[in-house]
Amino acid sequence: FGYSASNKIRKDFFYFYNIKKAIIFETKIFEFTGTNVGILMFL
């Protein structure tokens, strides 16, 4: 589900923008799962 949702956002949202630089902060939110959270800034 996550991969298809990401592709939908890329096709619908990023189509209108030309991103030159991105900064990504990613960290694990639960110690015993593989779930991460990311904060993205597009410049």
N, C-alpha and C. Protein backbone atom coordinates (compact mmCIF):
# COMPACT_ATOMS: atom_id res chain seq x y z
N PHE A 1 0.83 -1.21 0.00
CA PHE A 1 0.00 0.00 0.00
C PHE A 1 0.86 1.26 0.00
N GLY A 2 1.92 1.28 0.78
CA GLY A 2 2.76 2.46 0.88
C GLY A 2 3.42 2.85 -0.43
N TYR A 3 3.88 1.85 -1.18
CA TYR A 3 4.56 2.13 -2.45
C TYR A 3 3.59 2.73 -3.46
N SER A 4 2.39 2.18 -3.56
CA SER A 4 1.42 2.71 -4.52
C SER A 4 0.94 4.10 -4.12
N ALA A 5 0.82 4.37 -2.82
CA ALA A 5 0.43 5.72 -2.37
C ALA A 5 1.53 6.72 -2.69
N SER A 6 2.79 6.33 -2.52
CA SER A 6 3.91 7.21 -2.84
C SER A 6 3.94 7.53 -4.33
N ASN A 7 3.69 6.53 -5.16
CA ASN A 7 3.66 6.77 -6.60
C ASN A 7 2.53 7.70 -6.99
N LYS A 8 1.38 7.58 -6.35
CA LYS A 8 0.24 8.46 -6.63
C LYS A 8 0.60 9.91 -6.30
N ILE A 9 1.26 10.13 -5.17
CA ILE A 9 1.68 11.49 -4.79
C ILE A 9 2.69 12.03 -5.80
N ARG A 10 3.65 11.19 -6.20
CA ARG A 10 4.65 11.63 -7.18
C ARG A 10 4.00 12.05 -8.49
N LYS A 11 3.06 11.26 -8.97
CA LYS A 11 2.43 11.56 -10.26
C LYS A 11 1.53 12.79 -10.19
N ASP A 12 0.78 12.95 -9.11
CA ASP A 12 -0.20 14.05 -9.02
C ASP A 12 0.41 15.35 -8.52
N PHE A 13 1.30 15.29 -7.54
CA PHE A 13 1.80 16.49 -6.88
C PHE A 13 3.10 16.99 -7.50
N PHE A 14 4.07 16.11 -7.65
CA PHE A 14 5.39 16.52 -8.13
C PHE A 14 5.42 16.85 -9.61
N TYR A 15 4.36 16.53 -10.33
CA TYR A 15 4.28 16.86 -11.75
C TYR A 15 4.39 18.37 -11.97
N PHE A 16 3.91 19.17 -11.02
CA PHE A 16 3.86 20.62 -11.16
C PHE A 16 5.12 21.33 -10.65
N TYR A 17 6.05 20.60 -10.05
CA TYR A 17 7.21 21.23 -9.42
C TYR A 17 8.51 20.69 -9.98
N ASN A 18 9.52 21.53 -10.00
CA ASN A 18 10.87 21.14 -10.38
C ASN A 18 11.73 21.26 -9.12
N ILE A 19 12.00 20.16 -8.46
CA ILE A 19 12.72 20.16 -7.19
C ILE A 19 14.22 20.14 -7.46
N LYS A 20 14.91 21.15 -6.97
CA LYS A 20 16.35 21.26 -7.17
C LYS A 20 17.14 20.66 -6.00
N LYS A 21 16.55 20.69 -4.79
CA LYS A 21 17.26 20.21 -3.61
C LYS A 21 16.23 19.73 -2.59
N ALA A 22 16.54 18.64 -1.90
CA ALA A 22 15.65 18.12 -0.86
C ALA A 22 16.49 17.74 0.36
N ILE A 23 15.96 18.04 1.53
CA ILE A 23 16.60 17.66 2.79
C ILE A 23 15.65 16.71 3.51
N ILE A 24 16.17 15.56 3.92
CA ILE A 24 15.33 14.54 4.54
C ILE A 24 15.89 14.21 5.92
N PHE A 25 15.03 14.31 6.93
CA PHE A 25 15.34 13.84 8.28
C PHE A 25 14.48 12.61 8.51
N GLU A 26 15.10 11.48 8.79
CA GLU A 26 14.36 10.25 9.00
C GLU A 26 14.82 9.60 10.29
N THR A 27 13.86 9.11 11.07
CA THR A 27 14.19 8.45 12.32
C THR A 27 13.19 7.33 12.60
N LYS A 28 13.61 6.39 13.38
CA LYS A 28 12.74 5.28 13.78
C LYS A 28 11.81 5.77 14.88
N ILE A 29 10.49 5.49 14.75
CA ILE A 29 9.55 5.97 15.77
C ILE A 29 9.19 4.89 16.78
N PHE A 30 9.33 3.63 16.40
CA PHE A 30 9.09 2.54 17.33
C PHE A 30 10.35 1.67 17.38
N GLU A 31 10.77 1.32 18.57
CA GLU A 31 12.04 0.62 18.74
C GLU A 31 12.06 -0.75 18.08
N PHE A 32 10.96 -1.50 18.16
CA PHE A 32 10.98 -2.90 17.71
C PHE A 32 10.27 -3.13 16.39
N THR A 33 9.90 -2.08 15.69
CA THR A 33 9.30 -2.26 14.37
C THR A 33 10.19 -1.58 13.34
N GLY A 34 9.89 -1.79 12.10
CA GLY A 34 10.65 -1.14 11.04
C GLY A 34 10.04 0.18 10.61
N THR A 35 9.12 0.72 11.41
CA THR A 35 8.41 1.94 11.02
C THR A 35 9.27 3.17 11.27
N ASN A 36 9.44 3.97 10.24
CA ASN A 36 10.19 5.22 10.34
C ASN A 36 9.28 6.40 10.02
N VAL A 37 9.67 7.57 10.45
CA VAL A 37 8.97 8.79 10.09
C VAL A 37 9.98 9.71 9.42
N GLY A 38 9.53 10.41 8.40
CA GLY A 38 10.42 11.31 7.69
C GLY A 38 9.87 12.72 7.63
N ILE A 39 10.76 13.69 7.73
CA ILE A 39 10.40 15.10 7.56
C ILE A 39 11.16 15.58 6.33
N LEU A 40 10.45 16.10 5.36
CA LEU A 40 11.06 16.49 4.09
C LEU A 40 10.94 17.98 3.89
N MET A 41 12.00 18.59 3.38
CA MET A 41 11.98 20.00 3.00
C MET A 41 12.47 20.09 1.57
N PHE A 42 11.68 20.69 0.71
CA PHE A 42 12.06 20.85 -0.68
C PHE A 42 12.45 22.30 -0.90
N LEU A 43 13.63 22.51 -1.44
CA LEU A 43 14.15 23.86 -1.66
C LEU A 43 14.24 24.15 -3.14
